[in-house]
Protein backbone atom coordinates (compact mmCIF):
# COMPACT_ATOMS: atom_id res chain seq x y z
CA UNK A 1 10.37 42.02 -51.59
CA UNK A 2 11.27 38.41 -51.45
CA UNK A 3 9.21 35.27 -50.91
CA UNK A 4 10.53 34.74 -47.37
CA UNK A 5 8.56 36.56 -44.69
CA UNK A 6 11.62 36.91 -42.50
CA UNK A 7 14.97 36.42 -44.21
CA UNK A 8 16.90 36.83 -40.96
CA UNK A 9 15.36 33.66 -39.44
CA UNK A 10 15.44 31.73 -42.68
CA UNK A 11 19.20 32.17 -42.90
CA UNK A 12 19.72 31.26 -39.19
CA UNK A 13 18.23 27.79 -39.65
CA UNK A 14 21.50 26.42 -40.99
CA UNK A 15 23.68 27.81 -38.22
CA UNK A 16 24.50 26.13 -34.92
CA UNK A 17 22.73 28.87 -32.97
CA UNK A 18 19.60 28.41 -35.07
CA UNK A 19 19.71 24.62 -34.53
CA UNK A 20 20.15 24.93 -30.77
CA UNK A 21 17.30 27.41 -30.55
CA UNK A 22 15.04 25.17 -32.63
CA UNK A 23 15.89 21.95 -30.71
CA UNK A 24 15.53 23.62 -27.30
CA UNK A 25 12.09 24.89 -28.21
CA UNK A 26 10.94 21.50 -29.47
CA UNK A 27 12.52 19.43 -26.66
CA UNK A 28 10.02 17.40 -24.65
CA UNK A 29 10.21 17.36 -20.88
CA UNK A 30 11.91 14.27 -19.55
CA UNK A 31 9.57 11.43 -18.58
CA UNK A 32 12.14 9.99 -16.23
CA UNK A 33 11.32 10.43 -12.56
CA UNK A 34 13.78 12.09 -10.31
CA UNK A 35 15.53 9.69 -7.95
CA UNK A 36 13.93 9.38 -4.52
CA UNK A 37 15.77 10.87 -1.60
CA UNK A 38 16.89 8.70 1.30
CA UNK A 39 14.12 10.22 3.42
CA UNK A 40 11.48 9.35 0.79
CA UNK A 41 12.76 5.79 0.49
CA UNK A 42 12.76 5.39 4.28
CA UNK A 43 9.21 6.76 4.55
CA UNK A 44 8.02 4.35 1.86
CA UNK A 45 9.74 1.38 3.53
CA UNK A 46 8.24 2.28 6.91
CA UNK A 47 4.77 2.60 5.37
CA UNK A 48 5.16 -0.80 3.70
CA UNK A 49 6.36 -2.34 6.98
CA UNK A 50 3.33 -0.92 8.81
CA UNK A 51 1.02 -2.26 6.12
CA UNK A 52 2.58 -5.71 6.40
CA UNK A 53 2.31 -5.58 10.20
CA UNK A 54 -1.41 -4.77 9.94
CA UNK A 55 -1.95 -7.61 7.46
CA UNK A 56 -0.10 -10.00 9.77
CA UNK A 57 -2.22 -8.98 12.77
CA UNK A 58 -5.41 -9.42 10.73
CA UNK A 59 -4.25 -12.90 9.64
CA UNK A 60 -3.45 -13.83 13.25
CA UNK A 61 -6.92 -12.76 14.34
CA UNK A 62 -8.47 -14.72 11.48
CA UNK A 63 -6.51 -17.85 12.44
CA UNK A 64 -7.38 -17.43 16.12
CA UNK A 65 -11.11 -17.11 15.39
CA UNK A 66 -11.00 -20.16 13.12
CA UNK A 67 -9.22 -22.21 15.83
CA UNK A 68 -11.75 -21.21 18.49
CA UNK A 69 -14.63 -22.05 16.15
CA UNK A 70 -13.09 -25.49 15.53
CA UNK A 71 -12.78 -26.03 19.29
CA UNK A 72 -16.41 -25.02 19.81
CA UNK A 73 -17.46 -27.57 17.18
CA UNK A 74 -15.17 -30.33 18.50
CA UNK A 75 -16.39 -29.89 22.08
CA UNK A 76 -20.02 -29.38 21.14
CA UNK A 77 -20.29 -25.87 22.60
CA UNK A 78 -23.12 -24.06 20.87
CA UNK A 79 -23.81 -20.35 20.81
CA UNK A 80 -25.60 -19.10 23.92
CA UNK A 81 -28.69 -16.99 23.28
CA UNK A 82 -28.20 -13.44 24.59
CA UNK A 83 -24.42 -13.80 24.92
CA UNK A 84 -23.54 -11.00 22.53
CA UNK A 85 -19.89 -10.72 23.59
CA UNK A 86 -19.51 -14.55 23.71
CA UNK A 87 -18.05 -14.30 27.21
CA UNK A 88 -20.20 -17.14 28.56
CA UNK A 89 -19.44 -19.29 25.51
CA UNK A 90 -15.70 -18.66 25.89
CA UNK A 91 -15.93 -19.48 29.60
CA UNK A 92 -17.65 -22.76 28.69
CA UNK A 93 -14.83 -23.51 26.24
CA UNK A 94 -12.15 -22.76 28.83
CA UNK A 95 -13.98 -24.94 31.37
CA UNK A 96 -14.14 -27.77 28.82
CA UNK A 97 -10.39 -27.71 28.22
CA UNK A 98 -9.56 -27.09 31.90
CA UNK A 99 -7.96 -23.74 31.31
CA UNK A 100 -10.40 -21.43 33.12
CA UNK A 101 -8.52 -21.51 36.42
CA UNK A 102 -9.86 -20.51 39.83
CA UNK A 103 -12.54 -17.85 39.90
């Protein structure tokens, strides 16, 4: 008997077949992502566009509320007790600026 447990494999280590088998077994999976398909890129772009549209609408609403609050303050129109929807307060604002029209 010899000191090598398996002489067949010990002698293969120097050959090209032995090297390929060893390197294939020890190869790590690639960390690189696969390229996105056109459909995936389009879906991502559409989702981003929708997100930006929602942010824009929220900013418009924020600006509109701030402008109305400034008008209330400038024209001295205080909150009306019991006017939960602010309809009466808004009507008072429109009357003050002459934009309420005929009713």
